[in-house]
Amino acid sequence: MIKILVADDHALVREGLKKIINEQKDMTVSGEAADGQ
C-alpha cells in the first residue's frame, strides 16, 4: 500500500486529488496539509 500526503493551498484541489488517489486500489491518503510549513 502506498501512503500519500496531499499538500496544496487550495482546498478544492486537495479534495480532487484525495478522491483520485483513494479510487486507486494500491494507494491511500495518509494526511493533508494546506501548505508546506
PDB file of N, CA and C in Angstrom:
ATOM      1  N   MET A   1       0.847  -1.178   0.000  1.00  0.00           N
ATOM      2  CA  MET A   1       0.000   0.000   0.000  1.00  0.00           C
ATOM      3  C   MET A   1       0.893   1.242   0.000  1.00  0.00           C
ATOM      4  N   ILE A   2       0.623   2.148  -0.897  1.00  0.00           N
ATOM      5  CA  ILE A   2       1.341   3.416  -0.985  1.00  0.00           C
ATOM      6  C   ILE A   2       0.547   4.459  -0.213  1.00  0.00           C
ATOM      7  N   LYS A   3       1.208   5.108   0.756  1.00  0.00           N
ATOM      8  CA  LYS A   3       0.565   6.163   1.543  1.00  0.00           C
ATOM      9  C   LYS A   3       1.035   7.515   1.019  1.00  0.00           C
ATOM     10  N   ILE A   4       0.099   8.437   0.833  1.00  0.00           N
ATOM     11  CA  ILE A   4       0.402   9.729   0.218  1.00  0.00           C
ATOM     12  C   ILE A   4      -0.065  10.867   1.108  1.00  0.00           C
ATOM     13  N   LEU A   5       0.773  11.896   1.212  1.00  0.00           N
ATOM     14  CA  LEU A   5       0.419  13.135   1.897  1.00  0.00           C
ATOM     15  C   LEU A   5       0.115  14.172   0.817  1.00  0.00           C
ATOM     16  N   VAL A   6      -1.079  14.739   0.845  1.00  0.00           N
ATOM     17  CA  VAL A   6      -1.500  15.739  -0.138  1.00  0.00           C
ATOM     18  C   VAL A   6      -1.305  17.123   0.472  1.00  0.00           C
ATOM     19  N   ALA A   7      -0.540  17.975  -0.226  1.00  0.00           N
ATOM     20  CA  ALA A   7      -0.301  19.339   0.253  1.00  0.00           C
ATOM     21  C   ALA A   7      -0.563  20.322  -0.885  1.00  0.00           C
ATOM     22  N   ASP A   8      -1.511  21.221  -0.682  1.00  0.00           N
ATOM     23  CA  ASP A   8      -1.825  22.269  -1.651  1.00  0.00           C
ATOM     24  C   ASP A   8      -2.576  23.364  -0.911  1.00  0.00           C
ATOM     25  N   ASP A   9      -2.400  24.600  -1.336  1.00  0.00           N
ATOM     26  CA  ASP A   9      -3.054  25.700  -0.633  1.00  0.00           C
ATOM     27  C   ASP A   9      -4.517  25.883  -1.039  1.00  0.00           C
ATOM     28  N   HIS A  10      -4.992  25.160  -2.030  1.00  0.00           N
ATOM     29  CA  HIS A  10      -6.391  25.234  -2.456  1.00  0.00           C
ATOM     30  C   HIS A  10      -7.142  23.982  -2.003  1.00  0.00           C
ATOM     31  N   ALA A  11      -8.169  24.174  -1.193  1.00  0.00           N
ATOM     32  CA  ALA A  11      -8.932  23.045  -0.646  1.00  0.00           C
ATOM     33  C   ALA A  11      -9.586  22.215  -1.748  1.00  0.00           C
ATOM     34  N   LEU A  12     -10.074  22.858  -2.796  1.00  0.00           N
ATOM     35  CA  LEU A  12     -10.733  22.134  -3.881  1.00  0.00           C
ATOM     36  C   LEU A  12      -9.755  21.198  -4.594  1.00  0.00           C
ATOM     37  N   VAL A  13      -8.541  21.652  -4.790  1.00  0.00           N
ATOM     38  CA  VAL A  13      -7.511  20.812  -5.416  1.00  0.00           C
ATOM     39  C   VAL A  13      -7.190  19.624  -4.523  1.00  0.00           C
ATOM     40  N   ARG A  14      -7.042  19.863  -3.224  1.00  0.00           N
ATOM     41  CA  ARG A  14      -6.768  18.765  -2.282  1.00  0.00           C
ATOM     42  C   ARG A  14      -7.882  17.730  -2.312  1.00  0.00           C
ATOM     43  N   GLU A  15      -9.130  18.179  -2.317  1.00  0.00           N
ATOM     44  CA  GLU A  15     -10.259  17.242  -2.340  1.00  0.00           C
ATOM     45  C   GLU A  15     -10.256  16.411  -3.622  1.00  0.00           C
ATOM     46  N   GLY A  16      -9.981  17.043  -4.744  1.00  0.00           N
ATOM     47  CA  GLY A  16      -9.934  16.317  -6.013  1.00  0.00           C
ATOM     48  C   GLY A  16      -8.827  15.281  -6.039  1.00  0.00           C
ATOM     49  N   LEU A  17      -7.649  15.668  -5.568  1.00  0.00           N
ATOM     50  CA  LEU A  17      -6.529  14.731  -5.517  1.00  0.00           C
ATOM     51  C   LEU A  17      -6.820  13.569  -4.585  1.00  0.00           C
ATOM     52  N   LYS A  18      -7.415  13.862  -3.433  1.00  0.00           N
ATOM     53  CA  LYS A  18      -7.744  12.788  -2.487  1.00  0.00           C
ATOM     54  C   LYS A  18      -8.726  11.805  -3.108  1.00  0.00           C
ATOM     55  N   LYS A  19      -9.707  12.309  -3.828  1.00  0.00           N
ATOM     56  CA  LYS A  19     -10.691  11.427  -4.463  1.00  0.00           C
ATOM     57  C   LYS A  19     -10.022  10.526  -5.496  1.00  0.00           C
ATOM     58  N   ILE A  20      -9.181  11.106  -6.337  1.00  0.00           N
ATOM     59  CA  ILE A  20      -8.488  10.323  -7.365  1.00  0.00           C
ATOM     60  C   ILE A  20      -7.588   9.269  -6.729  1.00  0.00           C
ATOM     61  N   ILE A  21      -6.828   9.664  -5.721  1.00  0.00           N
ATOM     62  CA  ILE A  21      -5.900   8.736  -5.067  1.00  0.00           C
ATOM     63  C   ILE A  21      -6.652   7.617  -4.365  1.00  0.00           C
ATOM     64  N   ASN A  22      -7.709   7.945  -3.644  1.00  0.00           N
ATOM     65  CA  ASN A  22      -8.452   6.929  -2.896  1.00  0.00           C
ATOM     66  C   ASN A  22      -9.184   5.944  -3.802  1.00  0.00           C
ATOM     67  N   GLU A  23      -9.384   6.285  -5.068  1.00  0.00           N
ATOM     68  CA  GLU A  23     -10.005   5.356  -6.012  1.00  0.00           C
ATOM     69  C   GLU A  23      -9.034   4.278  -6.483  1.00  0.00           C
ATOM     70  N   GLN A  24      -7.742   4.488  -6.244  1.00  0.00           N
ATOM     71  CA  GLN A  24      -6.733   3.511  -6.641  1.00  0.00           C
ATOM     72  C   GLN A  24      -6.651   2.401  -5.600  1.00  0.00           C
ATOM     73  N   LYS A  25      -6.522   1.172  -6.047  1.00  0.00           N
ATOM     74  CA  LYS A  25      -6.510   0.033  -5.130  1.00  0.00           C
ATOM     75  C   LYS A  25      -5.266  -0.017  -4.256  1.00  0.00           C
ATOM     76  N   ASP A  26      -4.131   0.466  -4.772  1.00  0.00           N
ATOM     77  CA  ASP A  26      -2.875   0.339  -4.035  1.00  0.00           C
ATOM     78  C   ASP A  26      -2.402   1.646  -3.404  1.00  0.00           C
ATOM     79  N   MET A  27      -3.268   2.664  -3.331  1.00  0.00           N
ATOM     80  CA  MET A  27      -2.892   3.959  -2.762  1.00  0.00           C
ATOM     81  C   MET A  27      -3.921   4.421  -1.742  1.00  0.00           C
ATOM     82  N   THR A  28      -3.442   5.169  -0.750  1.00  0.00           N
ATOM     83  CA  THR A  28      -4.334   5.769   0.229  1.00  0.00           C
ATOM     84  C   THR A  28      -3.751   7.110   0.675  1.00  0.00           C
ATOM     85  N   VAL A  29      -4.610   8.050   1.004  1.00  0.00           N
ATOM     86  CA  VAL A  29      -4.168   9.347   1.516  1.00  0.00           C
ATOM     87  C   VAL A  29      -3.996   9.219   3.021  1.00  0.00           C
ATOM     88  N   SER A  30      -2.768   9.441   3.491  1.00  0.00           N
ATOM     89  CA  SER A  30      -2.499   9.318   4.926  1.00  0.00           C
ATOM     90  C   SER A  30      -2.640  10.650   5.648  1.00  0.00           C
ATOM     91  N   GLY A  31      -2.662  11.761   4.899  1.00  0.00           N
ATOM     92  CA  GLY A  31      -2.820  13.069   5.521  1.00  0.00           C
ATOM     93  C   GLY A  31      -2.884  14.159   4.476  1.00  0.00           C
ATOM     94  N   GLU A  32      -3.164  15.371   4.953  1.00  0.00           N
ATOM     95  CA  GLU A  32      -3.203  16.515   4.049  1.00  0.00           C
ATOM     96  C   GLU A  32      -2.746  17.765   4.780  1.00  0.00           C
ATOM     97  N   ALA A  33      -2.250  18.731   3.996  1.00  0.00           N
ATOM     98  CA  ALA A  33      -1.778  19.992   4.562  1.00  0.00           C
ATOM     99  C   ALA A  33      -2.139  21.117   3.604  1.00  0.00           C
ATOM    100  N   ALA A  34      -2.408  22.295   4.179  1.00  0.00           N
ATOM    101  CA  ALA A  34      -2.756  23.456   3.367  1.00  0.00           C
ATOM    102  C   ALA A  34      -1.519  24.172   2.834  1.00  0.00           C
ATOM    103  N   ASP A  35      -0.360  23.913   3.444  1.00  0.00           N
ATOM    104  CA  ASP A  35       0.897  24.481   2.957  1.00  0.00           C
ATOM    105  C   ASP A  35       2.057  23.596   3.407  1.00  0.00           C
ATOM    106  N   GLY A  36       3.230  23.929   2.970  1.00  0.00           N
ATOM    107  CA  GLY A  36       4.397  23.106   3.279  1.00  0.00           C
ATOM    108  C   GLY A  36       5.079  23.438   4.591  1.00  0.00           C
ATOM    109  N   GLN A  37       4.497  24.316   5.379  1.00  0.00           N
ATOM    110  CA  GLN A  37       5.152  24.709   6.631  1.00  0.00           C
ATOM    111  C   GLN A  37       4.578  23.991   7.816  1.00  0.00           C
TER     112      GLN A  37
END
